[in-house]
């Protein structure tokens, strides 16, 4: 009985890891120039204010850990964690960034 319960626990933990959120499970875009929006690839879970307060945001790019965007009105590049936390509006400052490679 204990072996079976342990096996079920290990199987449940393994499936939780398999279905953990990934960057490619979502679409990201700028919304109204002031926010970064996010939705699941199937069109559900739409959040128009996923990351709030960008400065005329554009050019969204995503890697395995972070979301990046350009802030056109202040010439900087912003960054946040994939879950929308730890937002840094002025991660990099440069001459008029207008787009990021995806």
Protein backbone atom coordinates (compact mmCIF):
# COMPACT_ATOMS: atom_id res chain seq x y z
CA UNK A 1 0.00 0.00 0.00
CA UNK A 2 2.79 2.44 0.88
CA UNK A 3 4.67 1.62 -2.35
CA UNK A 4 1.55 2.23 -4.41
CA UNK A 5 0.88 5.58 -2.67
CA UNK A 6 4.49 6.62 -3.24
CA UNK A 7 4.20 5.65 -6.92
CA UNK A 8 1.03 7.71 -7.31
CA UNK A 9 2.71 10.69 -5.65
CA UNK A 10 5.73 10.46 -7.96
CA UNK A 11 3.44 10.17 -11.01
CA UNK A 12 1.41 13.22 -9.92
CA UNK A 13 4.55 15.26 -9.29
CA UNK A 14 5.99 14.30 -12.68
CA UNK A 15 2.81 15.33 -14.51
CA UNK A 16 2.80 18.68 -12.68
CA UNK A 17 6.30 19.34 -14.02
CA UNK A 18 5.29 18.37 -17.55
CA UNK A 19 2.34 20.78 -17.52
CA UNK A 20 4.17 23.72 -15.89
CA UNK A 21 3.75 27.08 -17.66
CA UNK A 22 6.14 27.69 -20.54
CA UNK A 23 6.90 30.82 -22.51
CA UNK A 24 5.60 29.24 -25.73
CA UNK A 25 2.26 28.46 -24.10
CA UNK A 26 1.30 32.15 -24.29
CA UNK A 27 1.05 35.02 -26.75
CA UNK A 28 2.34 38.44 -25.66
CA UNK A 29 1.62 41.84 -27.23
CA UNK A 30 1.52 45.54 -26.40
CA UNK A 31 -1.90 46.89 -25.49
CA UNK A 32 -2.83 50.57 -25.87
CA UNK A 33 0.86 51.51 -25.67
CA UNK A 34 0.87 51.34 -21.87
CA UNK A 35 0.62 47.65 -21.03
CA UNK A 36 1.86 44.23 -22.10
CA UNK A 37 -0.99 41.79 -22.66
CA UNK A 38 -0.89 37.98 -22.50
CA UNK A 39 -3.21 35.13 -23.51
CA UNK A 40 -2.93 31.37 -23.72
CA UNK A 41 -2.25 30.02 -27.22
CA UNK A 42 -5.83 28.75 -27.41
CA UNK A 43 -7.20 32.30 -26.93
CA UNK A 44 -8.25 31.85 -23.29
CA UNK A 45 -6.82 33.50 -20.17
CA UNK A 46 -6.64 36.94 -21.82
CA UNK A 47 -5.01 39.53 -19.55
CA UNK A 48 -4.81 42.96 -21.19
CA UNK A 49 -2.86 44.40 -18.25
CA UNK A 50 -0.43 41.53 -17.66
CA UNK A 51 2.43 44.02 -17.23
CA UNK A 52 1.23 47.56 -16.54
CA UNK A 53 2.79 50.95 -17.06
CA UNK A 54 5.09 50.66 -20.03
CA UNK A 55 6.19 53.87 -21.75
CA UNK A 56 4.67 53.61 -25.21
CA UNK A 57 5.64 49.92 -25.26
CA UNK A 58 6.37 48.06 -28.49
CA UNK A 59 8.51 45.23 -29.82
CA UNK A 60 7.75 42.42 -27.33
CA UNK A 61 10.18 39.48 -27.15
CA UNK A 62 10.13 36.46 -24.84
CA UNK A 63 12.78 33.94 -23.79
CA UNK A 64 12.60 31.01 -21.37
CA UNK A 65 12.74 33.28 -18.31
CA UNK A 66 11.71 36.82 -19.22
CA UNK A 67 9.50 39.16 -21.25
CA UNK A 68 11.22 42.16 -22.88
CA UNK A 69 9.73 45.22 -24.57
CA UNK A 70 10.87 48.56 -25.94
CA UNK A 71 9.71 51.79 -24.33
CA UNK A 72 9.56 54.19 -27.26
CA UNK A 73 8.87 57.38 -25.33
CA UNK A 74 11.86 57.12 -22.98
CA UNK A 75 14.33 55.16 -25.13
CA UNK A 76 14.66 52.12 -22.90
CA UNK A 77 14.07 48.38 -22.88
CA UNK A 78 11.95 46.89 -20.11
CA UNK A 79 12.07 43.40 -18.63
CA UNK A 80 9.90 41.24 -16.36
CA UNK A 81 9.72 37.62 -15.30
CA UNK A 82 7.45 35.35 -17.38
CA UNK A 83 4.84 35.48 -14.61
CA UNK A 84 4.74 39.29 -14.86
CA UNK A 85 6.62 39.91 -11.63
CA UNK A 86 9.88 41.80 -11.01
CA UNK A 87 9.18 44.50 -13.61
CA UNK A 88 12.11 46.73 -14.63
CA UNK A 89 10.94 49.48 -16.98
CA UNK A 90 14.47 50.78 -17.60
CA UNK A 91 16.50 47.56 -17.81
CA UNK A 92 18.59 48.96 -20.68
CA UNK A 93 18.73 52.52 -21.96
CA UNK A 94 19.83 53.20 -25.51
CA UNK A 95 19.27 55.39 -28.53
CA UNK A 96 15.61 55.04 -29.46
CA UNK A 97 14.97 51.29 -29.43
CA UNK A 98 12.00 50.49 -31.62
CA UNK A 99 11.91 46.71 -31.95
CA UNK A 100 13.27 43.52 -30.47
CA UNK A 101 14.05 40.24 -32.21
CA UNK A 102 11.66 37.47 -31.27
